[in-house]
PDB file of all heavy atoms in Angstrom:
ATOM      1  N   SER A   1      -6.779  -8.249 -15.794  1.00  0.00           N
ATOM      2  CA  SER A   1      -7.170  -9.344 -16.784  1.00  0.00           C
ATOM      3  C   SER A   1      -7.936 -10.431 -16.132  1.00  0.00           C
ATOM      4  O   SER A   1      -8.600 -11.273 -16.762  1.00  0.00           O
ATOM      5  CB  SER A   1      -5.975  -9.873 -17.456  1.00  0.00           C
ATOM      6  OG  SER A   1      -5.159 -10.651 -16.575  1.00  0.00           O
ATOM      7  N   ASN A   2      -7.956 -10.412 -14.768  1.00  0.00           N
ATOM      8  CA  ASN A   2      -8.818 -11.386 -13.992  1.00  0.00           C
ATOM      9  C   ASN A   2      -9.981 -10.739 -13.345  1.00  0.00           C
ATOM     10  O   ASN A   2     -10.410 -11.198 -12.322  1.00  0.00           O
ATOM     11  CB  ASN A   2      -7.868 -12.132 -12.999  1.00  0.00           C
ATOM     12  CG  ASN A   2      -7.111 -13.204 -13.631  1.00  0.00           C
ATOM     13  OD1 ASN A   2      -7.482 -14.338 -13.811  1.00  0.00           O
ATOM     14  ND2 ASN A   2      -5.865 -12.882 -14.036  1.00  0.00           N
ATOM     15  N   GLN A   3     -10.469  -9.667 -14.003  1.00  0.00           N
ATOM     16  CA  GLN A   3     -11.689  -8.990 -13.569  1.00  0.00           C
ATOM     17  C   GLN A   3     -11.638  -8.479 -12.171  1.00  0.00           C
ATOM     18  O   GLN A   3     -12.694  -8.446 -11.431  1.00  0.00           O
ATOM     19  CB  GLN A   3     -12.892  -9.838 -13.821  1.00  0.00           C
ATOM     20  CG  GLN A   3     -13.238 -10.114 -15.256  1.00  0.00           C
ATOM     21  CD  GLN A   3     -12.289 -11.121 -15.914  1.00  0.00           C
ATOM     22  OE1 GLN A   3     -12.055 -12.183 -15.380  1.00  0.00           O
ATOM     23  NE2 GLN A   3     -11.782 -10.798 -17.064  1.00  0.00           N
ATOM     24  N   GLN A   4     -10.490  -8.055 -11.720  1.00  0.00           N
ATOM     25  CA  GLN A   4     -10.343  -7.420 -10.385  1.00  0.00           C
ATOM     26  C   GLN A   4     -10.588  -5.945 -10.521  1.00  0.00           C
ATOM     27  O   GLN A   4     -10.247  -5.370 -11.591  1.00  0.00           O
ATOM     28  CB  GLN A   4      -8.988  -7.721  -9.826  1.00  0.00           C
ATOM     29  CG  GLN A   4      -8.695  -9.227  -9.631  1.00  0.00           C
ATOM     30  CD  GLN A   4      -9.629  -9.859  -8.640  1.00  0.00           C
ATOM     31  OE1 GLN A   4      -9.427  -9.745  -7.418  1.00  0.00           O
ATOM     32  NE2 GLN A   4     -10.598 -10.655  -9.113  1.00  0.00           N
ATOM     33  N   SER A   5     -11.147  -5.304  -9.499  1.00  0.00           N
ATOM     34  CA  SER A   5     -11.519  -3.837  -9.639  1.00  0.00           C
ATOM     35  C   SER A   5     -10.515  -3.003  -8.871  1.00  0.00           C
ATOM     36  O   SER A   5     -10.621  -1.766  -9.050  1.00  0.00           O
ATOM     37  CB  SER A   5     -12.908  -3.653  -9.053  1.00  0.00           C
ATOM     38  OG  SER A   5     -12.963  -3.999  -7.666  1.00  0.00           O
ATOM     39  N   ALA A   6      -9.603  -3.568  -8.140  1.00  0.00           N
ATOM     40  CA  ALA A   6      -8.641  -2.822  -7.385  1.00  0.00           C
ATOM     41  C   ALA A   6      -7.491  -3.729  -6.889  1.00  0.00           C
ATOM     42  O   ALA A   6      -7.675  -4.925  -6.978  1.00  0.00           O
ATOM     43  CB  ALA A   6      -9.316  -2.122  -6.228  1.00  0.00           C
ATOM     44  N   ILE A   7      -6.426  -3.123  -6.466  1.00  0.00           N
ATOM     45  CA  ILE A   7      -5.305  -3.847  -5.868  1.00  0.00           C
ATOM     46  C   ILE A   7      -4.949  -3.097  -4.567  1.00  0.00           C
ATOM     47  O   ILE A   7      -4.920  -1.890  -4.547  1.00  0.00           O
ATOM     48  CB  ILE A   7      -4.091  -4.081  -6.822  1.00  0.00           C
ATOM     49  CG1 ILE A   7      -3.159  -5.032  -6.284  1.00  0.00           C
ATOM     50  CG2 ILE A   7      -3.513  -2.708  -7.222  1.00  0.00           C
ATOM     51  CD1 ILE A   7      -2.144  -5.564  -7.373  1.00  0.00           C
ATOM     52  N   TRP A   8      -4.765  -3.781  -3.516  1.00  0.00           N
ATOM     53  CA  TRP A   8      -4.415  -3.212  -2.182  1.00  0.00           C
ATOM     54  C   TRP A   8      -3.275  -3.970  -1.592  1.00  0.00           C
ATOM     55  O   TRP A   8      -2.928  -5.055  -1.965  1.00  0.00           O
ATOM     56  CB  TRP A   8      -5.658  -3.182  -1.343  1.00  0.00           C
ATOM     57  CG  TRP A   8      -6.267  -4.509  -0.975  1.00  0.00           C
ATOM     58  CD1 TRP A   8      -7.148  -5.222  -1.660  1.00  0.00           C
ATOM     59  CD2 TRP A   8      -5.941  -5.286   0.188  1.00  0.00           C
ATOM     60  NE1 TRP A   8      -7.475  -6.421  -1.071  1.00  0.00           N
ATOM     61  CE2 TRP A   8      -6.702  -6.481   0.101  1.00  0.00           C
ATOM     62  CE3 TRP A   8      -5.105  -5.087   1.318  1.00  0.00           C
ATOM     63  CZ2 TRP A   8      -6.750  -7.425   1.089  1.00  0.00           C
ATOM     64  CZ3 TRP A   8      -5.075  -6.052   2.272  1.00  0.00           C
ATOM     65  CH2 TRP A   8      -5.829  -7.251   2.213  1.00  0.00           C
ATOM     66  N   LEU A   9      -2.688  -3.239  -0.579  1.00  0.00           N
ATOM     67  CA  LEU A   9      -1.468  -3.849   0.092  1.00  0.00           C
ATOM     68  C   LEU A   9      -1.279  -3.245   1.441  1.00  0.00           C
ATOM     69  O   LEU A   9      -1.946  -2.265   1.820  1.00  0.00           O
ATOM     70  CB  LEU A   9      -0.278  -3.547  -0.738  1.00  0.00           C
ATOM     71  CG  LEU A   9       0.020  -2.127  -1.121  1.00  0.00           C
ATOM     72  CD1 LEU A   9       0.896  -1.433  -0.082  1.00  0.00           C
ATOM     73  CD2 LEU A   9       0.655  -1.979  -2.419  1.00  0.00           C
ATOM     74  N   PHE A  10      -0.412  -3.846   2.217  1.00  0.00           N
ATOM     75  CA  PHE A  10       0.088  -3.291   3.504  1.00  0.00           C
ATOM     76  C   PHE A  10       1.521  -2.869   3.285  1.00  0.00           C
ATOM     77  O   PHE A  10       2.274  -3.644   2.569  1.00  0.00           O
ATOM     78  CB  PHE A  10       0.052  -4.346   4.597  1.00  0.00           C
ATOM     79  CG  PHE A  10      -1.335  -4.914   4.939  1.00  0.00           C
ATOM     80  CD1 PHE A  10      -1.441  -6.172   5.263  1.00  0.00           C
ATOM     81  CD2 PHE A  10      -2.489  -4.081   4.918  1.00  0.00           C
ATOM     82  CE1 PHE A  10      -2.688  -6.730   5.581  1.00  0.00           C
ATOM     83  CE2 PHE A  10      -3.702  -4.586   5.216  1.00  0.00           C
ATOM     84  CZ  PHE A  10      -3.859  -5.941   5.600  1.00  0.00           C
ATOM     85  N   THR A  11       1.925  -1.783   3.932  1.00  0.00           N
ATOM     86  CA  THR A  11       3.375  -1.440   3.877  1.00  0.00           C
ATOM     87  C   THR A  11       3.735  -0.787   5.160  1.00  0.00           C
ATOM     88  O   THR A  11       2.915   0.053   5.683  1.00  0.00           O
ATOM     89  CB  THR A  11       3.791  -0.608   2.636  1.00  0.00           C
ATOM     90  OG1 THR A  11       5.172  -0.478   2.538  1.00  0.00           O
ATOM     91  CG2 THR A  11       3.132   0.785   2.659  1.00  0.00           C
ATOM     92  N   TRP A  12       4.880  -1.043   5.681  1.00  0.00           N
ATOM     93  CA  TRP A  12       5.349  -0.559   6.990  1.00  0.00           C
ATOM     94  C   TRP A  12       5.488   1.018   6.874  1.00  0.00           C
ATOM     95  O   TRP A  12       6.024   1.483   5.884  1.00  0.00           O
ATOM     96  CB  TRP A  12       6.712  -1.171   7.281  1.00  0.00           C
ATOM     97  CG  TRP A  12       7.424  -0.567   8.504  1.00  0.00           C
ATOM     98  CD1 TRP A  12       6.878  -0.192   9.676  1.00  0.00           C
ATOM     99  CD2 TRP A  12       8.770  -0.235   8.526  1.00  0.00           C
ATOM    100  NE1 TRP A  12       7.840   0.345  10.463  1.00  0.00           N
ATOM    101  CE2 TRP A  12       9.081   0.326   9.818  1.00  0.00           C
ATOM    102  CE3 TRP A  12       9.844  -0.300   7.607  1.00  0.00           C
ATOM    103  CZ2 TRP A  12      10.309   0.777  10.232  1.00  0.00           C
ATOM    104  CZ3 TRP A  12      11.084   0.147   8.033  1.00  0.00           C
ATOM    105  CH2 TRP A  12      11.305   0.673   9.299  1.00  0.00           C
ATOM    106  N   VAL A  13       4.881   1.679   7.829  1.00  0.00           N
ATOM    107  CA  VAL A  13       4.914   3.158   7.767  1.00  0.00           C
ATOM    108  C   VAL A  13       6.315   3.768   7.783  1.00  0.00           C
ATOM    109  O   VAL A  13       6.515   4.863   7.364  1.00  0.00           O
ATOM    110  CB  VAL A  13       4.094   3.813   8.928  1.00  0.00           C
ATOM    111  CG1 VAL A  13       2.619   3.368   8.799  1.00  0.00           C
ATOM    112  CG2 VAL A  13       4.620   3.523  10.261  1.00  0.00           C
ATOM    113  N   GLY A  14       7.285   2.931   8.263  1.00  0.00           N
ATOM    114  CA  GLY A  14       8.723   3.463   8.282  1.00  0.00           C
ATOM    115  C   GLY A  14       9.450   3.264   6.982  1.00  0.00           C
ATOM    116  O   GLY A  14      10.627   3.672   6.786  1.00  0.00           O
ATOM    117  N   ASN A  15       8.790   2.575   6.020  1.00  0.00           N
ATOM    118  CA  ASN A  15       9.431   2.385   4.718  1.00  0.00           C
ATOM    119  C   ASN A  15       9.061   3.491   3.728  1.00  0.00           C
ATOM    120  O   ASN A  15       8.211   3.269   2.835  1.00  0.00           O
ATOM    121  CB  ASN A  15       9.067   0.937   4.150  1.00  0.00           C
ATOM    122  CG  ASN A  15       9.869   0.491   2.995  1.00  0.00           C
ATOM    123  OD1 ASN A  15      10.591   1.320   2.373  1.00  0.00           O
ATOM    124  ND2 ASN A  15       9.849  -0.754   2.711  1.00  0.00           N
ATOM    125  N   LYS A  16       9.638   4.641   3.899  1.00  0.00           N
ATOM    126  CA  LYS A  16       9.277   5.790   3.119  1.00  0.00           C
ATOM    127  C   LYS A  16       9.507   5.540   1.625  1.00  0.00           C
ATOM    128  O   LYS A  16       8.759   5.978   0.769  1.00  0.00           O
ATOM    129  CB  LYS A  16      10.150   7.032   3.597  1.00  0.00           C
ATOM    130  CG  LYS A  16       9.828   8.280   2.822  1.00  0.00           C
ATOM    131  CD  LYS A  16      10.454   9.399   3.392  1.00  0.00           C
ATOM    132  CE  LYS A  16      10.323  10.699   2.697  1.00  0.00           C
ATOM    133  NZ  LYS A  16       9.286  10.878   1.625  1.00  0.00           N
ATOM    134  N   LYS A  17      10.538   4.781   1.302  1.00  0.00           N
ATOM    135  CA  LYS A  17      10.855   4.481  -0.109  1.00  0.00           C
ATOM    136  C   LYS A  17       9.644   3.749  -0.752  1.00  0.00           C
ATOM    137  O   LYS A  17       9.240   4.016  -1.919  1.00  0.00           O
ATOM    138  CB  LYS A  17      12.114   3.661  -0.255  1.00  0.00           C
ATOM    139  CG  LYS A  17      12.603   3.471  -1.601  1.00  0.00           C
ATOM    140  CD  LYS A  17      14.012   2.693  -1.576  1.00  0.00           C
ATOM    141  CE  LYS A  17      14.514   2.506  -2.945  1.00  0.00           C
ATOM    142  NZ  LYS A  17      15.865   1.836  -2.891  1.00  0.00           N
ATOM    143  N   ALA A  18       9.122   2.765  -0.046  1.00  0.00           N
ATOM    144  CA  ALA A  18       7.967   1.968  -0.565  1.00  0.00           C
ATOM    145  C   ALA A  18       6.685   2.867  -0.635  1.00  0.00           C
ATOM    146  O   ALA A  18       5.982   2.787  -1.612  1.00  0.00           O
ATOM    147  CB  ALA A  18       7.747   0.782   0.306  1.00  0.00           C
ATOM    148  N   ILE A  19       6.469   3.612   0.444  1.00  0.00           N
ATOM    149  CA  ILE A  19       5.259   4.462   0.435  1.00  0.00           C
ATOM    150  C   ILE A  19       5.305   5.446  -0.676  1.00  0.00           C
ATOM    151  O   ILE A  19       4.351   5.674  -1.492  1.00  0.00           O
ATOM    152  CB  ILE A  19       5.141   5.211   1.790  1.00  0.00           C
ATOM    153  CG1 ILE A  19       4.869   4.176   2.847  1.00  0.00           C
ATOM    154  CG2 ILE A  19       4.033   6.258   1.758  1.00  0.00           C
ATOM    155  CD1 ILE A  19       5.042   4.736   4.294  1.00  0.00           C
ATOM    156  N   ASP A  20       6.469   6.065  -0.955  1.00  0.00           N
ATOM    157  CA  ASP A  20       6.615   7.038  -2.112  1.00  0.00           C
ATOM    158  C   ASP A  20       6.425   6.271  -3.422  1.00  0.00           C
ATOM    159  O   ASP A  20       5.779   6.805  -4.326  1.00  0.00           O
ATOM    160  CB  ASP A  20       8.045   7.638  -2.043  1.00  0.00           C
ATOM    161  CG  ASP A  20       8.152   8.666  -0.929  1.00  0.00           C
ATOM    162  OD1 ASP A  20       7.126   9.027  -0.302  1.00  0.00           O
ATOM    163  OD2 ASP A  20       9.360   9.016  -0.666  1.00  0.00           O
ATOM    164  N   PHE A  21       6.933   5.107  -3.537  1.00  0.00           N
ATOM    165  CA  PHE A  21       6.820   4.282  -4.748  1.00  0.00           C
ATOM    166  C   PHE A  21       5.323   3.995  -5.045  1.00  0.00           C
ATOM    167  O   PHE A  21       4.846   4.265  -6.181  1.00  0.00           O
ATOM    168  CB  PHE A  21       7.565   2.916  -4.575  1.00  0.00           C
ATOM    169  CG  PHE A  21       7.363   1.958  -5.688  1.00  0.00           C
ATOM    170  CD1 PHE A  21       7.977   2.104  -6.928  1.00  0.00           C
ATOM    171  CD2 PHE A  21       6.540   0.795  -5.423  1.00  0.00           C
ATOM    172  CE1 PHE A  21       7.721   1.091  -7.916  1.00  0.00           C
ATOM    173  CE2 PHE A  21       6.363  -0.169  -6.412  1.00  0.00           C
ATOM    174  CZ  PHE A  21       6.930  -0.015  -7.679  1.00  0.00           C
ATOM    175  N   TYR A  22       4.596   3.529  -4.064  1.00  0.00           N
ATOM    176  CA  TYR A  22       3.163   3.256  -4.199  1.00  0.00           C
ATOM    177  C   TYR A  22       2.311   4.489  -4.473  1.00  0.00           C
ATOM    178  O   TYR A  22       1.440   4.499  -5.320  1.00  0.00           O
ATOM    179  CB  TYR A  22       2.621   2.485  -3.017  1.00  0.00           C
ATOM    180  CG  TYR A  22       3.226   1.087  -2.923  1.00  0.00           C
ATOM    181  CD1 TYR A  22       3.862   0.712  -1.781  1.00  0.00           C
ATOM    182  CD2 TYR A  22       3.251   0.148  -3.942  1.00  0.00           C
ATOM    183  CE1 TYR A  22       4.441  -0.598  -1.655  1.00  0.00           C
ATOM    184  CE2 TYR A  22       3.786  -1.118  -3.837  1.00  0.00           C
ATOM    185  CZ  TYR A  22       4.382  -1.427  -2.707  1.00  0.00           C
ATOM    186  OH  TYR A  22       4.956  -2.680  -2.548  1.00  0.00           O
ATOM    187  N   THR A  23       2.669   5.564  -3.832  1.00  0.00           N
ATOM    188  CA  THR A  23       1.989   6.798  -4.034  1.00  0.00           C
ATOM    189  C   THR A  23       2.179   7.353  -5.472  1.00  0.00           C
ATOM    190  O   THR A  23       1.219   7.744  -6.120  1.00  0.00           O
ATOM    191  CB  THR A  23       2.464   7.880  -3.026  1.00  0.00           C
ATOM    192  OG1 THR A  23       2.205   7.385  -1.684  1.00  0.00           O
ATOM    193  CG2 THR A  23       1.732   9.205  -3.203  1.00  0.00           C
ATOM    194  N   ARG A  24       3.415   7.241  -5.987  1.00  0.00           N
ATOM    195  CA  ARG A  24       3.718   7.688  -7.394  1.00  0.00           C
ATOM    196  C   ARG A  24       2.916   6.795  -8.358  1.00  0.00           C
ATOM    197  O   ARG A  24       2.536   7.229  -9.450  1.00  0.00           O
ATOM    198  CB  ARG A  24       5.222   7.607  -7.698  1.00  0.00           C
ATOM    199  CG  ARG A  24       5.969   8.737  -7.209  1.00  0.00           C
ATOM    200  CD  ARG A  24       7.392   8.677  -7.748  1.00  0.00           C
ATOM    201  NE  ARG A  24       8.109   7.503  -7.692  1.00  0.00           N
ATOM    202  CZ  ARG A  24       8.794   7.022  -6.648  1.00  0.00           C
ATOM    203  NH1 ARG A  24       8.902   7.730  -5.519  1.00  0.00           N
ATOM    204  NH2 ARG A  24       9.430   5.857  -6.649  1.00  0.00           N
ATOM    205  N   ALA A  25       2.685   5.513  -7.974  1.00  0.00           N
ATOM    206  CA  ALA A  25       1.893   4.639  -8.852  1.00  0.00           C
ATOM    207  C   ALA A  25       0.418   4.771  -8.724  1.00  0.00           C
ATOM    208  O   ALA A  25      -0.385   4.182  -9.459  1.00  0.00           O
ATOM    209  CB  ALA A  25       2.244   3.155  -8.463  1.00  0.00           C
ATOM    210  N   GLY A  26      -0.085   5.705  -7.878  1.00  0.00           N
ATOM    211  CA  GLY A  26      -1.446   6.006  -7.822  1.00  0.00           C
ATOM    212  C   GLY A  26      -2.183   5.477  -6.575  1.00  0.00           C
ATOM    213  O   GLY A  26      -3.413   5.570  -6.409  1.00  0.00           O
ATOM    214  N   PHE A  27      -1.488   4.788  -5.700  1.00  0.00           N
ATOM    215  CA  PHE A  27      -2.087   4.203  -4.506  1.00  0.00           C
ATOM    216  C   PHE A  27      -2.438   5.333  -3.516  1.00  0.00           C
ATOM    217  O   PHE A  27      -1.704   6.340  -3.400  1.00  0.00           O
ATOM    218  CB  PHE A  27      -1.230   3.205  -3.801  1.00  0.00           C
ATOM    219  CG  PHE A  27      -1.075   1.858  -4.500  1.00  0.00           C
ATOM    220  CD1 PHE A  27      -0.261   1.721  -5.612  1.00  0.00           C
ATOM    221  CD2 PHE A  27      -1.802   0.755  -3.973  1.00  0.00           C
ATOM    222  CE1 PHE A  27      -0.176   0.466  -6.240  1.00  0.00           C
ATOM    223  CE2 PHE A  27      -1.710  -0.472  -4.597  1.00  0.00           C
ATOM    224  CZ  PHE A  27      -0.909  -0.639  -5.701  1.00  0.00           C
ATOM    225  N   THR A  28      -3.488   5.106  -2.751  1.00  0.00           N
ATOM    226  CA  THR A  28      -3.862   6.050  -1.636  1.00  0.00           C
ATOM    227  C   THR A  28      -3.954   5.215  -0.347  1.00  0.00           C
ATOM    228  O   THR A  28      -4.249   4.045  -0.368  1.00  0.00           O
ATOM    229  CB  THR A  28      -5.182   6.775  -1.895  1.00  0.00           C
ATOM    230  OG1 THR A  28      -6.240   5.765  -2.061  1.00  0.00           O
ATOM    231  CG2 THR A  28      -5.116   7.651  -3.088  1.00  0.00           C
ATOM    232  N   THR A  29      -3.697   5.915   0.784  1.00  0.00           N
ATOM    233  CA  THR A  29      -3.806   5.235   2.052  1.00  0.00           C
ATOM    234  C   THR A  29      -5.191   5.209   2.519  1.00  0.00           C
ATOM    235  O   THR A  29      -5.908   6.231   2.475  1.00  0.00           O
ATOM    236  CB  THR A  29      -2.921   6.042   3.114  1.00  0.00           C
ATOM    237  OG1 THR A  29      -1.615   6.066   2.635  1.00  0.00           O
ATOM    238  CG2 THR A  29      -2.950   5.350   4.480  1.00  0.00           C
ATOM    239  N   ILE A  30      -5.704   4.014   2.912  1.00  0.00           N
ATOM    240  CA  ILE A  30      -7.109   3.860   3.316  1.00  0.00           C
ATOM    241  C   ILE A  30      -7.253   3.311   4.730  1.00  0.00           C
ATOM    242  O   ILE A  30      -8.335   3.122   5.170  1.00  0.00           O
ATOM    243  CB  ILE A  30      -7.850   2.906   2.336  1.00  0.00           C
ATOM    244  CG1 ILE A  30      -7.174   1.505   2.321  1.00  0.00           C
ATOM    245  CG2 ILE A  30      -7.921   3.508   0.966  1.00  0.00           C
ATOM    246  CD1 ILE A  30      -8.002   0.441   1.593  1.00  0.00           C
ATOM    247  N   GLY A  31      -6.094   3.137   5.472  1.00  0.00           N
ATOM    248  CA  GLY A  31      -6.180   2.693   6.854  1.00  0.00           C
ATOM    249  C   GLY A  31      -4.835   2.243   7.333  1.00  0.00           C
ATOM    250  O   GLY A  31      -3.802   2.478   6.657  1.00  0.00           O
ATOM    251  N   SER A  32      -4.826   1.602   8.501  1.00  0.00           N
ATOM    252  CA  SER A  32      -3.592   1.157   9.114  1.00  0.00           C
ATOM    253  C   SER A  32      -3.872   0.015  10.097  1.00  0.00           C
ATOM    254  O   SER A  32      -5.097  -0.068  10.549  1.00  0.00           O
ATOM    255  CB  SER A  32      -2.733   2.276   9.676  1.00  0.00           C
ATOM    256  OG  SER A  32      -3.512   2.737  10.867  1.00  0.00           O
ATOM    257  N   HIS A  33      -2.858  -0.701  10.430  1.00  0.00           N
ATOM    258  CA  HIS A  33      -2.997  -1.698  11.504  1.00  0.00           C
ATOM    259  C   HIS A  33      -1.600  -2.078  12.046  1.00  0.00           C
ATOM    260  O   HIS A  33      -0.552  -1.639  11.453  1.00  0.00           O
ATOM    261  CB  HIS A  33      -3.677  -3.001  10.965  1.00  0.00           C
ATOM    262  CG  HIS A  33      -2.752  -3.878  10.173  1.00  0.00           C
ATOM    263  ND1 HIS A  33      -2.347  -3.563   8.904  1.00  0.00           N
ATOM    264  CD2 HIS A  33      -2.072  -5.047  10.509  1.00  0.00           C
ATOM    265  CE1 HIS A  33      -1.511  -4.549   8.435  1.00  0.00           C
ATOM    266  NE2 HIS A  33      -1.326  -5.461   9.428  1.00  0.00           N
ATOM    267  N   ASP A  34      -1.631  -2.731  13.129  1.00  0.00           N
ATOM    268  CA  ASP A  34      -0.317  -3.152  13.751  1.00  0.00           C
ATOM    269  C   ASP A  34      -0.011  -4.577  13.279  1.00  0.00           C
ATOM    270  O   ASP A  34      -0.785  -5.503  13.460  1.00  0.00           O
ATOM    271  CB  ASP A  34      -0.345  -3.099  15.251  1.00  0.00           C
ATOM    272  CG  ASP A  34      -0.445  -1.712  15.794  1.00  0.00           C
ATOM    273  OD1 ASP A  34       0.031  -0.811  15.127  1.00  0.00           O
ATOM    274  OD2 ASP A  34      -1.062  -1.490  16.875  1.00  0.00           O
ATOM    275  N   PHE A  35       1.136  -4.720  12.635  1.00  0.00           N
ATOM    276  CA  PHE A  35       1.637  -6.007  12.070  1.00  0.00           C
ATOM    277  C   PHE A  35       2.563  -6.587  13.054  1.00  0.00           C
ATOM    278  O   PHE A  35       3.536  -5.989  13.450  1.00  0.00           O
ATOM    279  CB  PHE A  35       2.342  -5.778  10.727  1.00  0.00           C
ATOM    280  CG  PHE A  35       2.915  -7.008  10.160  1.00  0.00           C
ATOM    281  CD1 PHE A  35       2.168  -7.887   9.445  1.00  0.00           C
ATOM    282  CD2 PHE A  35       4.271  -7.312  10.380  1.00  0.00           C
ATOM    283  CE1 PHE A  35       2.694  -9.079   8.900  1.00  0.00           C
ATOM    284  CE2 PHE A  35       4.856  -8.476   9.823  1.00  0.00           C
ATOM    285  CZ  PHE A  35       4.026  -9.375   9.108  1.00  0.00           C
ATOM    286  N   HIS A  36       2.203  -7.820  13.570  1.00  0.00           N
ATOM    287  CA  HIS A  36       3.032  -8.444  14.560  1.00  0.00           C
ATOM    288  C   HIS A  36       4.217  -9.226  13.922  1.00  0.00           C
ATOM    289  O   HIS A  36       4.010 -10.138  13.161  1.00  0.00           O
ATOM    290  CB  HIS A  36       2.171  -9.366  15.391  1.00  0.00           C
ATOM    291  CG  HIS A  36       1.268  -8.658  16.333  1.00  0.00           C
ATOM    292  ND1 HIS A  36       1.680  -8.314  17.626  1.00  0.00           N
ATOM    293  CD2 HIS A  36       0.079  -8.064  16.167  1.00  0.00           C
ATOM    294  CE1 HIS A  36       0.678  -7.614  18.193  1.00  0.00           C
ATOM    295  NE2 HIS A  36      -0.301  -7.476  17.304  1.00  0.00           N
ATOM    296  N   VAL A  37       5.417  -8.700  14.202  1.00  0.00           N
ATOM    297  CA  VAL A  37       6.658  -9.316  13.774  1.00  0.00           C
ATOM    298  C   VAL A  37       6.998 -10.428  14.723  1.00  0.00           C
ATOM    299  O   VAL A  37       7.476 -11.476  14.335  1.00  0.00           O
ATOM    300  CB  VAL A  37       7.810  -8.269  13.708  1.00  0.00           C
ATOM    301  CG1 VAL A  37       9.080  -8.900  13.239  1.00  0.00           C
ATOM    302  CG2 VAL A  37       7.423  -7.147  12.845  1.00  0.00           C
TER     303      VAL A  37
END
């Protein structure tokens, strides 16, 4: 509704539950990076 063409996010590769959730919602993996905790 705010004229955005996509939505993107970062998620920890070890969070299988989140990855599965986003994949079921139609998200695809487009890259990766190291997140400094």
